[in-house]
Protein backbone atom coordinates (compact mmCIF):
# COMPACT_ATOMS: atom_id res chain seq x y z
CA ALA A 1 3.14 10.46 10.67
CA LEU A 2 4.54 13.34 8.64
CA ALA A 3 8.24 13.83 7.96
CA ASP A 4 8.61 16.12 10.98
CA GLY A 5 6.98 13.57 13.30
CA SER A 6 3.64 15.35 13.48
CA VAL A 7 0.35 13.52 12.93
CA LEU A 8 -2.97 14.33 11.25
CA ALA A 9 -6.07 12.66 12.67
CA PHE A 10 -9.82 12.78 12.09
CA GLY A 11 -12.35 12.78 14.93
CA GLU A 12 -15.11 14.72 16.68
CA PHE A 13 -13.99 17.48 19.02
CA ASP A 14 -15.40 19.95 21.55
CA LEU A 15 -14.35 23.13 19.76
CA THR A 16 -17.00 25.45 21.23
CA PRO A 17 -17.98 25.21 24.92
CA GLY A 18 -21.59 24.13 25.34
CA GLN A 19 -21.97 23.13 21.68
CA PRO A 20 -22.09 19.63 20.11
CA GLN A 21 -18.87 18.00 19.04
CA VAL A 22 -17.67 18.88 15.54
CA PRO A 23 -16.05 16.53 12.98
CA ALA A 24 -12.57 17.87 12.18
CA VAL A 25 -8.99 17.13 11.25
CA VAL A 26 -6.43 17.95 13.95
CA LYS A 27 -2.67 18.24 13.66
CA ILE A 28 -0.57 17.03 16.59
CA THR A 29 3.09 17.99 16.78
CA ALA A 30 5.88 15.49 17.46
CA SER A 31 5.84 16.65 21.09
CA GLY A 32 2.13 15.83 21.45
CA GLU A 33 0.67 19.36 21.32
CA VAL A 34 -2.08 20.65 19.03
CA ASP A 35 -0.37 22.61 16.24
CA ALA A 36 -2.12 25.99 16.34
CA SER A 37 -0.71 26.92 12.92
CA TYR A 38 -2.87 24.24 11.24
CA GLY A 39 -6.37 25.17 10.07
CA THR A 40 -7.97 27.31 12.77
CA ASP A 41 -6.15 26.91 16.08
CA GLY A 42 -4.99 23.45 15.08
CA TYR A 43 -8.27 22.13 13.62
CA ALA A 44 -9.76 22.03 10.11
CA SER A 45 -13.46 21.89 10.91
CA ASP A 46 -15.62 23.85 8.45
CA LEU A 47 -15.78 20.98 5.97
CA ASP A 48 -19.30 19.50 6.37
CA LEU A 49 -17.73 16.16 7.23
CA LEU A 50 -20.12 13.28 7.88
CA PRO A 51 -19.85 10.57 10.55
CA ARG A 52 -18.21 8.02 8.25
CA THR A 53 -14.95 9.57 7.12
CA ASP A 54 -11.61 8.04 6.22
CA LEU A 55 -8.34 10.02 6.17
CA ALA A 56 -5.14 9.58 4.18
CA VAL A 57 -2.12 11.88 3.96
CA ASP A 58 0.04 12.33 0.86
CA VAL A 59 3.80 12.86 0.72
CA GLN A 60 3.30 16.65 0.73
CA GLY A 61 1.43 16.51 4.03
CA ARG A 62 -1.98 17.19 2.46
CA ALA A 63 -4.96 15.47 4.05
CA LEU A 64 -7.44 13.65 1.81
CA LEU A 65 -10.83 12.76 3.26
CA ALA A 66 -13.57 10.48 1.91
CA THR A 67 -16.82 11.17 3.73
CA THR A 68 -20.38 9.81 3.56
CA ASP A 69 -23.45 9.58 5.77
CA GLN A 70 -23.80 7.00 8.54
CA PHE A 71 -27.53 6.43 8.17
CA VAL A 72 -28.47 5.77 4.55
CA THR A 73 -30.42 2.94 2.92
CA ILE A 74 -30.79 4.01 -0.73
CA GLY A 75 -27.29 4.96 -1.79
CA GLN A 76 -25.23 7.98 -0.85
CA PRO A 77 -22.62 10.09 -2.63
CA ILE A 78 -19.05 10.07 -1.36
CA ARG A 79 -17.33 13.43 -1.10
CA LEU A 80 -13.57 13.36 -1.57
CA LEU A 81 -11.84 16.46 -0.17
CA ARG A 82 -8.25 17.62 0.00
CA LEU A 83 -6.68 20.09 2.42
CA THR A 84 -3.44 21.96 1.99
CA ALA A 85 -0.53 21.16 4.29
CA SER A 86 -1.61 24.17 6.38
CA GLY A 87 -5.16 22.81 6.87
CA GLN A 88 -7.09 24.91 4.38
CA VAL A 89 -9.39 23.63 1.62
CA ASP A 90 -7.22 22.98 -1.45
CA ALA A 91 -9.04 24.79 -4.28
CA SER A 92 -6.73 23.19 -6.88
CA PHE A 93 -8.35 19.79 -6.22
CA GLY A 94 -11.56 18.89 -8.05
CA THR A 95 -14.14 21.66 -7.88
CA GLY A 96 -13.51 24.02 -4.99
CA GLY A 97 -11.44 21.41 -3.17
CA GLU A 98 -13.67 18.38 -3.55
CA VAL A 99 -14.83 15.60 -5.86
CA VAL A 100 -18.24 13.93 -5.63
CA ILE A 101 -18.62 10.22 -6.41
CA PRO A 102 -22.39 9.98 -6.95
CA ASP A 103 -24.70 7.32 -5.56
CA VAL A 104 -22.14 4.60 -4.94
CA ARG A 105 -23.08 3.29 -1.51
CA GLY A 106 -24.72 -0.10 -1.35
CA ILE A 107 -28.29 -0.67 -0.20
CA PHE A 108 -26.99 -1.37 3.30
CA ASN A 109 -24.30 1.07 4.39
CA ARG A 110 -22.22 -1.42 6.35
CA ASP A 111 -18.83 0.15 5.96
CA LEU A 112 -17.16 3.48 5.37
CA PRO A 113 -15.39 4.43 2.15
CA ILE A 114 -11.76 3.31 2.38
CA LEU A 115 -9.15 5.75 1.14
CA GLY A 116 -5.54 5.42 0.02
CA VAL A 117 -3.07 7.72 -1.72
CA ASP A 118 0.01 6.90 -3.79
CA ALA A 119 3.40 8.63 -4.03
CA GLY A 120 2.15 10.78 -6.92
CA GLY A 121 -0.74 12.18 -4.86
CA ARG A 122 -3.37 10.08 -6.64
CA ALA A 123 -6.29 9.16 -4.39
CA LEU A 124 -7.84 5.68 -4.37
CA VAL A 125 -11.33 5.13 -2.97
CA ALA A 126 -12.72 1.65 -2.32
CA THR A 127 -16.50 1.35 -1.92
CA ALA A 128 -19.50 -0.41 -3.49
CA GLU A 129 -21.92 0.64 -6.22
CA ARG A 130 -25.66 0.32 -5.92
CA PRO A 131 -27.94 -1.46 -6.43
CA SER A 132 -25.72 -4.53 -6.86
CA GLU A 133 -23.19 -3.56 -4.14
CA THR A 134 -20.40 -4.42 -6.58
CA PRO A 135 -17.03 -3.69 -4.89
CA VAL A 136 -15.17 -1.03 -6.88
CA LEU A 137 -11.94 0.93 -6.70
CA TYR A 138 -11.67 4.48 -8.06
CA ARG A 139 -8.47 6.39 -8.73
CA PHE A 140 -8.21 10.13 -9.17
CA THR A 141 -5.34 12.23 -10.49
CA GLU A 142 -3.56 14.70 -8.26
CA SER A 143 -5.91 17.40 -9.57
CA GLY A 144 -9.00 15.35 -8.68
CA ALA A 145 -10.01 14.13 -12.15
CA PRO A 146 -10.87 10.46 -12.79
CA ASP A 147 -7.58 8.79 -13.76
CA ALA A 148 -8.13 7.51 -17.30
CA SER A 149 -4.91 5.46 -17.09
CA PHE A 150 -6.44 3.25 -14.37
CA GLY A 151 -8.92 0.49 -15.15
CA MET A 152 -11.84 1.78 -17.22
CA GLU A 153 -11.66 5.57 -17.04
CA GLY A 154 -10.50 5.55 -13.43
CA ARG A 155 -12.76 2.75 -12.16
CA MET A 156 -12.34 -1.00 -11.73
CA GLU A 157 -14.43 -3.76 -10.20
CA VAL A 158 -12.56 -5.87 -7.66
CA PRO A 159 -13.15 -9.50 -6.59
CA LEU A 160 -13.25 -8.79 -2.86
CA PRO A 161 -16.18 -7.57 -0.73
CA TRP A 162 -15.47 -4.21 0.91
CA PRO A 163 -11.78 -4.09 -0.06
CA THR A 164 -9.16 -2.15 1.88
CA PRO A 165 -6.36 -0.75 -0.35
CA TRP A 166 -2.68 -0.54 0.55
CA VAL A 167 -0.66 1.47 -1.98
CA ALA A 168 2.84 0.19 -2.72
CA PRO A 169 5.76 2.53 -3.58
CA ASP A 170 5.58 1.49 -7.26
CA GLY A 171 1.94 2.65 -7.52
CA SER A 172 0.42 -0.83 -7.48
CA VAL A 173 -2.30 -1.61 -4.97
CA TYR A 174 -2.80 -4.54 -2.63
CA LEU A 175 -6.43 -5.14 -1.66
CA THR A 176 -7.49 -7.11 1.40
CA ASN A 177 -11.05 -8.09 2.23
CA SER A 178 -12.78 -6.54 5.23
CA ALA A 179 -13.39 -9.10 7.96
CA LEU A 180 -16.31 -6.95 9.13
CA ALA A 181 -18.27 -7.25 5.90
CA GLN A 182 -21.32 -9.48 6.15
CA ASP A 183 -20.51 -11.28 2.90
CA ALA A 184 -16.74 -11.50 3.40
CA PRO A 185 -15.13 -14.95 3.14
CA PRO A 186 -13.88 -16.30 6.47
CA GLU A 187 -10.24 -16.45 5.33
CA PRO A 188 -8.12 -13.39 4.52
CA ARG A 189 -7.68 -12.73 0.81
CA VAL A 190 -5.29 -10.40 -1.02
CA THR A 191 -5.54 -9.11 -4.60
CA HIS A 192 -2.64 -7.32 -6.32
CA VAL A 193 -3.68 -4.55 -8.73
CA LEU A 194 -1.07 -3.18 -11.12
CA PRO A 195 -0.63 0.59 -11.56
CA ASP A 196 -2.78 0.52 -14.73
CA GLY A 197 -5.70 -1.11 -12.92
CA THR A 198 -5.27 -4.65 -14.24
């Protein structure tokens, strides 16, 4: 929830009568109404979002979205987008509002990219690289550049299959393994990553 009690959520919505549902971000006010001042009539929808999308919100109320295709067997780029607090594409992020992480999906696309954001607005994306399906964690600066102060030029390999990041207030990251991953160990595991990626 945002500071005012409103909520941003991702889903597929019937925005045009008689047309297929559209992937979009919606803003719901604290009273449970669609906030018509956000995006277009409450929805940010012209984003070419794909079926597997994760959403995180930074302290300024800006939505970050990591999106990739649902049906892919040979690797698939992840697009990382940021919206302004009013639901428009944030052109100050990456190139025209987005960053592309090329060809990082594993051979079998079992899980969606998992997204986190720290107090400084830095986005973290957990996924797997092909062809080895090595679990990796990327961090990007607030402007969308790879964060050279994290791991090796903004990238680190992690010892958990399909990790889910939780960002602590001090900028460190706690990673838990996904119980849904085919190769996940049966017991929960947690890895603590320091702010510099070690």
